[in-house]
Amino acid sequence: MMNDDEIRDFIMANCAELLATKNKGQIMKAIMPALKGKADGKAINGIVAELCR
């Protein structure tokens, strides 16, 4: 399982354009298939919420 820092790094590297929109739903939709089984969904959701602030 990926830790919080690895999840954050993955999101920053692969979803930079989506992060700029601050649209949490679109970001989650884009990254969940890539991280399914590799990271905890609650952790991903928390990090995305933090990055969208």
PDB file of N, CA and C in Angstrom:
ATOM      1  N   MET A   1       0.834  -1.186   0.000  1.00  0.00           N
ATOM      2  CA  MET A   1       0.000   0.000   0.000  1.00  0.00           C
ATOM      3  C   MET A   1       0.881   1.254   0.000  1.00  0.00           C
ATOM      4  N   MET A   2       0.420   2.237  -0.719  1.00  0.00           N
ATOM      5  CA  MET A   2       1.152   3.503  -0.805  1.00  0.00           C
ATOM      6  C   MET A   2       0.894   4.322   0.454  1.00  0.00           C
ATOM      7  N   ASN A   3       1.920   5.043   0.903  1.00  0.00           N
ATOM      8  CA  ASN A   3       1.718   5.936   2.038  1.00  0.00           C
ATOM      9  C   ASN A   3       1.249   7.305   1.535  1.00  0.00           C
ATOM     10  N   ASP A   4       0.927   8.197   2.468  1.00  0.00           N
ATOM     11  CA  ASP A   4       0.379   9.507   2.099  1.00  0.00           C
ATOM     12  C   ASP A   4       1.307  10.302   1.193  1.00  0.00           C
ATOM     13  N   ASP A   5       2.597  10.264   1.470  1.00  0.00           N
ATOM     14  CA  ASP A   5       3.547  11.022   0.645  1.00  0.00           C
ATOM     15  C   ASP A   5       3.595  10.487  -0.787  1.00  0.00           C
ATOM     16  N   GLU A   6       3.557   9.165  -0.932  1.00  0.00           N
ATOM     17  CA  GLU A   6       3.568   8.567  -2.266  1.00  0.00           C
ATOM     18  C   GLU A   6       2.291   8.915  -3.033  1.00  0.00           C
ATOM     19  N   ILE A   7       1.165   8.909  -2.333  1.00  0.00           N
ATOM     20  CA  ILE A   7      -0.111   9.274  -2.968  1.00  0.00           C
ATOM     21  C   ILE A   7      -0.057  10.730  -3.420  1.00  0.00           C
ATOM     22  N   ARG A   8       0.399  11.606  -2.536  1.00  0.00           N
ATOM     23  CA  ARG A   8       0.487  13.037  -2.846  1.00  0.00           C
ATOM     24  C   ARG A   8       1.404  13.264  -4.047  1.00  0.00           C
ATOM     25  N   ASP A   9       2.546  12.597  -4.069  1.00  0.00           N
ATOM     26  CA  ASP A   9       3.484  12.730  -5.187  1.00  0.00           C
ATOM     27  C   ASP A   9       2.853  12.248  -6.497  1.00  0.00           C
ATOM     28  N   PHE A  10       2.134  11.136  -6.450  1.00  0.00           N
ATOM     29  CA  PHE A  10       1.474  10.601  -7.640  1.00  0.00           C
ATOM     30  C   PHE A  10       0.455  11.602  -8.181  1.00  0.00           C
ATOM     31  N   ILE A  11      -0.357  12.153  -7.287  1.00  0.00           N
ATOM     32  CA  ILE A  11      -1.388  13.109  -7.706  1.00  0.00           C
ATOM     33  C   ILE A  11      -0.748  14.361  -8.297  1.00  0.00           C
ATOM     34  N   MET A  12       0.277  14.881  -7.646  1.00  0.00           N
ATOM     35  CA  MET A  12       0.942  16.094  -8.117  1.00  0.00           C
ATOM     36  C   MET A  12       1.585  15.860  -9.488  1.00  0.00           C
ATOM     37  N   ALA A  13       2.146  14.680  -9.702  1.00  0.00           N
ATOM     38  CA  ALA A  13       2.836  14.386 -10.953  1.00  0.00           C
ATOM     39  C   ALA A  13       1.863  14.106 -12.101  1.00  0.00           C
ATOM     40  N   ASN A  14       0.737  13.464 -11.803  1.00  0.00           N
ATOM     41  CA  ASN A  14      -0.146  13.000 -12.869  1.00  0.00           C
ATOM     42  C   ASN A  14      -1.411  13.823 -13.063  1.00  0.00           C
ATOM     43  N   CYS A  15      -1.744  14.648 -12.117  1.00  0.00           N
ATOM     44  CA  CYS A  15      -3.013  15.385 -12.203  1.00  0.00           C
ATOM     45  C   CYS A  15      -2.834  16.877 -11.952  1.00  0.00           C
ATOM     46  N   ALA A  16      -1.708  17.426 -12.325  1.00  0.00           N
ATOM     47  CA  ALA A  16      -1.439  18.844 -12.059  1.00  0.00           C
ATOM     48  C   ALA A  16      -2.484  19.754 -12.697  1.00  0.00           C
ATOM     49  N   GLU A  17      -2.897  19.439 -13.924  1.00  0.00           N
ATOM     50  CA  GLU A  17      -3.892  20.285 -14.598  1.00  0.00           C
ATOM     51  C   GLU A  17      -5.236  20.217 -13.886  1.00  0.00           C
ATOM     52  N   LEU A  18      -5.623  19.022 -13.453  1.00  0.00           N
ATOM     53  CA  LEU A  18      -6.892  18.883 -12.737  1.00  0.00           C
ATOM     54  C   LEU A  18      -6.841  19.559 -11.370  1.00  0.00           C
ATOM     55  N   LEU A  19      -5.701  19.501 -10.718  1.00  0.00           N
ATOM     56  CA  LEU A  19      -5.574  20.166  -9.418  1.00  0.00           C
ATOM     57  C   LEU A  19      -5.827  21.661  -9.542  1.00  0.00           C
ATOM     58  N   ALA A  20      -5.434  22.229 -10.652  1.00  0.00           N
ATOM     59  CA  ALA A  20      -5.627  23.660 -10.866  1.00  0.00           C
ATOM     60  C   ALA A  20      -7.108  24.023 -10.923  1.00  0.00           C
ATOM     61  N   THR A  21      -7.959  23.076 -11.326  1.00  0.00           N
ATOM     62  CA  THR A  21      -9.394  23.351 -11.414  1.00  0.00           C
ATOM     63  C   THR A  21     -10.065  23.302 -10.049  1.00  0.00           C
ATOM     64  N   LYS A  22      -9.406  22.654  -9.083  1.00  0.00           N
ATOM     65  CA  LYS A  22      -9.958  22.469  -7.732  1.00  0.00           C
ATOM     66  C   LYS A  22     -11.253  21.666  -7.746  1.00  0.00           C
ATOM     67  N   ASN A  23     -11.484  20.882  -8.806  1.00  0.00           N
ATOM     68  CA  ASN A  23     -12.685  20.065  -8.926  1.00  0.00           C
ATOM     69  C   ASN A  23     -12.379  18.674  -8.366  1.00  0.00           C
ATOM     70  N   LYS A  24     -12.748  18.475  -7.109  1.00  0.00           N
ATOM     71  CA  LYS A  24     -12.420  17.234  -6.411  1.00  0.00           C
ATOM     72  C   LYS A  24     -12.992  16.005  -7.120  1.00  0.00           C
ATOM     73  N   GLY A  25     -14.211  16.104  -7.630  1.00  0.00           N
ATOM     74  CA  GLY A  25     -14.849  14.976  -8.307  1.00  0.00           C
ATOM     75  C   GLY A  25     -14.078  14.520  -9.529  1.00  0.00           C
ATOM     76  N   GLN A  26     -13.646  15.465 -10.339  1.00  0.00           N
ATOM     77  CA  GLN A  26     -12.877  15.118 -11.547  1.00  0.00           C
ATOM     78  C   GLN A  26     -11.526  14.517 -11.179  1.00  0.00           C
ATOM     79  N   ILE A  27     -10.904  15.054 -10.155  1.00  0.00           N
ATOM     80  CA  ILE A  27      -9.598  14.532  -9.726  1.00  0.00           C
ATOM     81  C   ILE A  27      -9.747  13.094  -9.238  1.00  0.00           C
ATOM     82  N   MET A  28     -10.746  12.853  -8.394  1.00  0.00           N
ATOM     83  CA  MET A  28     -10.975  11.507  -7.876  1.00  0.00           C
ATOM     84  C   MET A  28     -11.269  10.527  -9.013  1.00  0.00           C
ATOM     85  N   LYS A  29     -12.076  10.956  -9.972  1.00  0.00           N
ATOM     86  CA  LYS A  29     -12.442  10.105 -11.102  1.00  0.00           C
ATOM     87  C   LYS A  29     -11.205   9.750 -11.933  1.00  0.00           C
ATOM     88  N   ALA A  30     -10.266  10.677 -12.025  1.00  0.00           N
ATOM     89  CA  ALA A  30      -9.062  10.452 -12.822  1.00  0.00           C
ATOM     90  C   ALA A  30      -8.052   9.543 -12.117  1.00  0.00           C
ATOM     91  N   ILE A  31      -7.919   9.677 -10.810  1.00  0.00           N
ATOM     92  CA  ILE A  31      -6.850   8.930 -10.135  1.00  0.00           C
ATOM     93  C   ILE A  31      -7.275   7.607  -9.525  1.00  0.00           C
ATOM     94  N   MET A  32      -8.549   7.440  -9.211  1.00  0.00           N
ATOM     95  CA  MET A  32      -8.965   6.197  -8.556  1.00  0.00           C
ATOM     96  C   MET A  32      -8.658   4.939  -9.373  1.00  0.00           C
ATOM     97  N   PRO A  33      -8.908   4.933 -10.687  1.00  0.00           N
ATOM     98  CA  PRO A  33      -8.558   3.705 -11.433  1.00  0.00           C
ATOM     99  C   PRO A  33      -7.058   3.385 -11.373  1.00  0.00           C
ATOM    100  N   ALA A  34      -6.228   4.403 -11.371  1.00  0.00           N
ATOM    101  CA  ALA A  34      -4.778   4.193 -11.354  1.00  0.00           C
ATOM    102  C   ALA A  34      -4.287   3.706  -9.993  1.00  0.00           C
ATOM    103  N   LEU A  35      -4.965   4.120  -8.919  1.00  0.00           N
ATOM    104  CA  LEU A  35      -4.498   3.777  -7.574  1.00  0.00           C
ATOM    105  C   LEU A  35      -5.301   2.666  -6.911  1.00  0.00           C
ATOM    106  N   LYS A  36      -6.311   2.153  -7.595  1.00  0.00           N
ATOM    107  CA  LYS A  36      -7.153   1.107  -7.016  1.00  0.00           C
ATOM    108  C   LYS A  36      -6.298  -0.110  -6.645  1.00  0.00           C
ATOM    109  N   GLY A  37      -6.414  -0.528  -5.409  1.00  0.00           N
ATOM    110  CA  GLY A  37      -5.648  -1.668  -4.920  1.00  0.00           C
ATOM    111  C   GLY A  37      -4.239  -1.317  -4.465  1.00  0.00           C
ATOM    112  N   LYS A  38      -3.814  -0.090  -4.743  1.00  0.00           N
ATOM    113  CA  LYS A  38      -2.470   0.341  -4.362  1.00  0.00           C
ATOM    114  C   LYS A  38      -2.480   1.285  -3.171  1.00  0.00           C
ATOM    115  N   ALA A  39      -3.634   1.938  -2.945  1.00  0.00           N
ATOM    116  CA  ALA A  39      -3.728   2.917  -1.869  1.00  0.00           C
ATOM    117  C   ALA A  39      -5.136   2.903  -1.288  1.00  0.00           C
ATOM    118  N   ASP A  40      -5.258   3.306  -0.044  1.00  0.00           N
ATOM    119  CA  ASP A  40      -6.538   3.362   0.643  1.00  0.00           C
ATOM    120  C   ASP A  40      -7.383   4.519   0.098  1.00  0.00           C
ATOM    121  N   GLY A  41      -8.630   4.239  -0.251  1.00  0.00           N
ATOM    122  CA  GLY A  41      -9.521   5.253  -0.808  1.00  0.00           C
ATOM    123  C   GLY A  41      -9.740   6.436   0.118  1.00  0.00           C
ATOM    124  N   LYS A  42      -9.836   6.172   1.424  1.00  0.00           N
ATOM    125  CA  LYS A  42     -10.031   7.262   2.377  1.00  0.00           C
ATOM    126  C   LYS A  42      -8.810   8.171   2.418  1.00  0.00           C
ATOM    127  N   ALA A  43      -7.638   7.577   2.329  1.00  0.00           N
ATOM    128  CA  ALA A  43      -6.405   8.370   2.319  1.00  0.00           C
ATOM    129  C   ALA A  43      -6.342   9.228   1.065  1.00  0.00           C
ATOM    130  N   ILE A  44      -6.695   8.642  -0.074  1.00  0.00           N
ATOM    131  CA  ILE A  44      -6.701   9.390  -1.332  1.00  0.00           C
ATOM    132  C   ILE A  44      -7.674  10.562  -1.239  1.00  0.00           C
ATOM    133  N   ASN A  45      -8.876  10.287  -0.744  1.00  0.00           N
ATOM    134  CA  ASN A  45      -9.896  11.323  -0.623  1.00  0.00           C
ATOM    135  C   ASN A  45      -9.423  12.462   0.267  1.00  0.00           C
ATOM    136  N   GLY A  46      -8.794  12.147   1.384  1.00  0.00           N
ATOM    137  CA  GLY A  46      -8.285  13.165   2.295  1.00  0.00           C
ATOM    138  C   GLY A  46      -7.200  14.026   1.658  1.00  0.00           C
ATOM    139  N   ILE A  47      -6.307  13.395   0.937  1.00  0.00           N
ATOM    140  CA  ILE A  47      -5.218  14.126   0.287  1.00  0.00           C
ATOM    141  C   ILE A  47      -5.754  15.009  -0.822  1.00  0.00           C
ATOM    142  N   VAL A  48      -6.707  14.497  -1.604  1.00  0.00           N
ATOM    143  CA  VAL A  48      -7.297  15.309  -2.672  1.00  0.00           C
ATOM    144  C   VAL A  48      -8.007  16.522  -2.067  1.00  0.00           C
ATOM    145  N   ALA A  49      -8.740  16.306  -0.987  1.00  0.00           N
ATOM    146  CA  ALA A  49      -9.428  17.423  -0.318  1.00  0.00           C
ATOM    147  C   ALA A  49      -8.426  18.454   0.163  1.00  0.00           C
ATOM    148  N   GLU A  50      -7.314  17.999   0.713  1.00  0.00           N
ATOM    149  CA  GLU A  50      -6.262  18.901   1.198  1.00  0.00           C
ATOM    150  C   GLU A  50      -5.655  19.712   0.041  1.00  0.00           C
ATOM    151  N   LEU A  51      -5.411  19.039  -1.085  1.00  0.00           N
ATOM    152  CA  LEU A  51      -4.794  19.704  -2.230  1.00  0.00           C
ATOM    153  C   LEU A  51      -5.754  20.655  -2.948  1.00  0.00           C
ATOM    154  N   CYS A  52      -7.048  20.454  -2.780  1.00  0.00           N
ATOM    155  CA  CYS A  52      -8.045  21.298  -3.446  1.00  0.00           C
ATOM    156  C   CYS A  52      -8.347  22.572  -2.661  1.00  0.00           C
ATOM    157  N   ARG A  53      -7.796  22.733  -1.499  1.00  0.00           N
ATOM    158  CA  ARG A  53      -8.059  23.935  -0.696  1.00  0.00           C
ATOM    159  C   ARG A  53      -7.395  25.133  -1.274  1.00  0.00           C
TER     160      ARG A  53
END
